[in-house]
Amino acid sequence: MSAEHEDHGHTPAAWTLVGIVIAGFTVGGVGVIIANIPIVIVGAVICVVGIVVGKVMQMMGMGAQPKSSTKTS
């Protein structure tokens, strides 16, 4: 296993993104079950908001930071 990905997904940004997207899929799924298009759209919007929030948190330093490459040729 590569050491460069050992903390992949174990950050506040990743957990927040996943939590919000799961909530969005749940809302959208309920909308599909009850055949209510506005609720499906709200679920999709929640998913997009989750992606934006996750990216903003990563940019604020709460996400996985890229490892600097120390390889030399």
C-alpha atoms as a PDB file:
ATOM      1  CA  MET A   1       0.000   0.000   0.000  1.00  0.00           C
ATOM      2  CA  SER A   2       1.326   3.411  -0.929  1.00  0.00           C
ATOM      3  CA  ALA A   3       2.299   5.691   1.945  1.00  0.00           C
ATOM      4  CA  GLU A   4       1.155   8.778   0.045  1.00  0.00           C
ATOM      5  CA  HIS A   5      -2.528   7.878   0.622  1.00  0.00           C
ATOM      6  CA  GLU A   6      -2.399   6.610   4.196  1.00  0.00           C
ATOM      7  CA  ASP A   7      -4.655   9.423   5.518  1.00  0.00           C
ATOM      8  CA  HIS A   8      -6.971   9.497   2.495  1.00  0.00           C
ATOM      9  CA  GLY A   9     -10.527  10.244   3.640  1.00  0.00           C
ATOM     10  CA  HIS A  10      -9.727  10.574   7.334  1.00  0.00           C
ATOM     11  CA  THR A  11     -10.203  14.331   7.563  1.00  0.00           C
ATOM     12  CA  PRO A  12     -12.954  16.644   8.813  1.00  0.00           C
ATOM     13  CA  ALA A  13     -13.519  17.878   5.252  1.00  0.00           C
ATOM     14  CA  ALA A  14     -14.052  14.346   3.918  1.00  0.00           C
ATOM     15  CA  TRP A  15     -16.374  13.312   6.743  1.00  0.00           C
ATOM     16  CA  THR A  16     -18.429  16.507   6.412  1.00  0.00           C
ATOM     17  CA  LEU A  17     -18.741  16.064   2.650  1.00  0.00           C
ATOM     18  CA  VAL A  18     -19.855  12.445   3.026  1.00  0.00           C
ATOM     19  CA  GLY A  19     -22.362  13.297   5.764  1.00  0.00           C
ATOM     20  CA  ILE A  20     -23.995  16.083   3.767  1.00  0.00           C
ATOM     21  CA  VAL A  21     -24.094  14.030   0.554  1.00  0.00           C
ATOM     22  CA  ILE A  22     -25.673  11.081   2.388  1.00  0.00           C
ATOM     23  CA  ALA A  23     -28.333  13.448   3.747  1.00  0.00           C
ATOM     24  CA  GLY A  24     -28.926  14.761   0.216  1.00  0.00           C
ATOM     25  CA  PHE A  25     -29.274  11.252  -1.212  1.00  0.00           C
ATOM     26  CA  THR A  26     -31.689  10.377   1.600  1.00  0.00           C
ATOM     27  CA  VAL A  27     -33.854  13.424   0.908  1.00  0.00           C
ATOM     28  CA  GLY A  28     -33.752  12.758  -2.838  1.00  0.00           C
ATOM     29  CA  GLY A  29     -34.588   9.093  -2.310  1.00  0.00           C
ATOM     30  CA  VAL A  30     -37.617   9.989  -0.224  1.00  0.00           C
ATOM     31  CA  GLY A  31     -38.673  12.368  -2.993  1.00  0.00           C
ATOM     32  CA  VAL A  32     -38.433   9.566  -5.551  1.00  0.00           C
ATOM     33  CA  ILE A  33     -40.435   7.178  -3.357  1.00  0.00           C
ATOM     34  CA  ILE A  34     -43.259   9.669  -2.816  1.00  0.00           C
ATOM     35  CA  ALA A  35     -43.012  10.928  -6.429  1.00  0.00           C
ATOM     36  CA  ASN A  36     -42.383  14.557  -5.474  1.00  0.00           C
ATOM     37  CA  ILE A  37     -40.028  16.218  -7.962  1.00  0.00           C
ATOM     38  CA  PRO A  38     -39.310  19.343  -5.826  1.00  0.00           C
ATOM     39  CA  ILE A  39     -38.034  17.125  -3.002  1.00  0.00           C
ATOM     40  CA  VAL A  40     -35.798  15.246  -5.454  1.00  0.00           C
ATOM     41  CA  ILE A  41     -34.387  18.592  -6.619  1.00  0.00           C
ATOM     42  CA  VAL A  42     -33.797  19.690  -3.016  1.00  0.00           C
ATOM     43  CA  GLY A  43     -31.894  16.442  -2.427  1.00  0.00           C
ATOM     44  CA  ALA A  44     -29.723  17.097  -5.486  1.00  0.00           C
ATOM     45  CA  VAL A  45     -29.031  20.656  -4.309  1.00  0.00           C
ATOM     46  CA  ILE A  46     -28.026  19.352  -0.867  1.00  0.00           C
ATOM     47  CA  CYS A  47     -25.534  17.005  -2.567  1.00  0.00           C
ATOM     48  CA  VAL A  48     -24.005  19.880  -4.535  1.00  0.00           C
ATOM     49  CA  VAL A  49     -23.798  21.989  -1.372  1.00  0.00           C
ATOM     50  CA  GLY A  50     -21.994  19.105   0.341  1.00  0.00           C
ATOM     51  CA  ILE A  51     -19.392  18.984  -2.413  1.00  0.00           C
ATOM     52  CA  VAL A  52     -18.848  22.743  -2.191  1.00  0.00           C
ATOM     53  CA  VAL A  53     -18.576  22.650   1.609  1.00  0.00           C
ATOM     54  CA  GLY A  54     -16.082  19.786   1.452  1.00  0.00           C
ATOM     55  CA  LYS A  55     -13.909  21.635  -1.072  1.00  0.00           C
ATOM     56  CA  VAL A  56     -14.015  24.864   0.947  1.00  0.00           C
ATOM     57  CA  MET A  57     -13.032  22.980   4.099  1.00  0.00           C
ATOM     58  CA  GLN A  58     -10.162  21.327   2.217  1.00  0.00           C
ATOM     59  CA  MET A  59      -8.964  24.730   1.026  1.00  0.00           C
ATOM     60  CA  MET A  60      -9.133  25.970   4.646  1.00  0.00           C
ATOM     61  CA  GLY A  61      -6.656  23.256   5.613  1.00  0.00           C
ATOM     62  CA  MET A  62      -9.069  20.703   7.071  1.00  0.00           C
ATOM     63  CA  GLY A  63      -8.543  18.197   4.266  1.00  0.00           C
ATOM     64  CA  ALA A  64      -5.722  15.912   3.234  1.00  0.00           C
ATOM     65  CA  GLN A  65      -2.687  17.909   2.223  1.00  0.00           C
ATOM     66  CA  PRO A  66      -0.737  16.746  -0.823  1.00  0.00           C
ATOM     67  CA  LYS A  67       2.539  15.063   0.049  1.00  0.00           C
ATOM     68  CA  SER A  68       5.628  16.694  -1.402  1.00  0.00           C
ATOM     69  CA  SER A  69       7.503  14.415  -3.746  1.00  0.00           C
ATOM     70  CA  THR A  70      11.011  13.652  -2.525  1.00  0.00           C
ATOM     71  CA  LYS A  71      11.959  11.375  -5.414  1.00  0.00           C
ATOM     72  CA  THR A  72      15.007  12.394  -7.392  1.00  0.00           C
ATOM     73  CA  SER A  73      16.080  10.957 -10.714  1.00  0.00           C
END
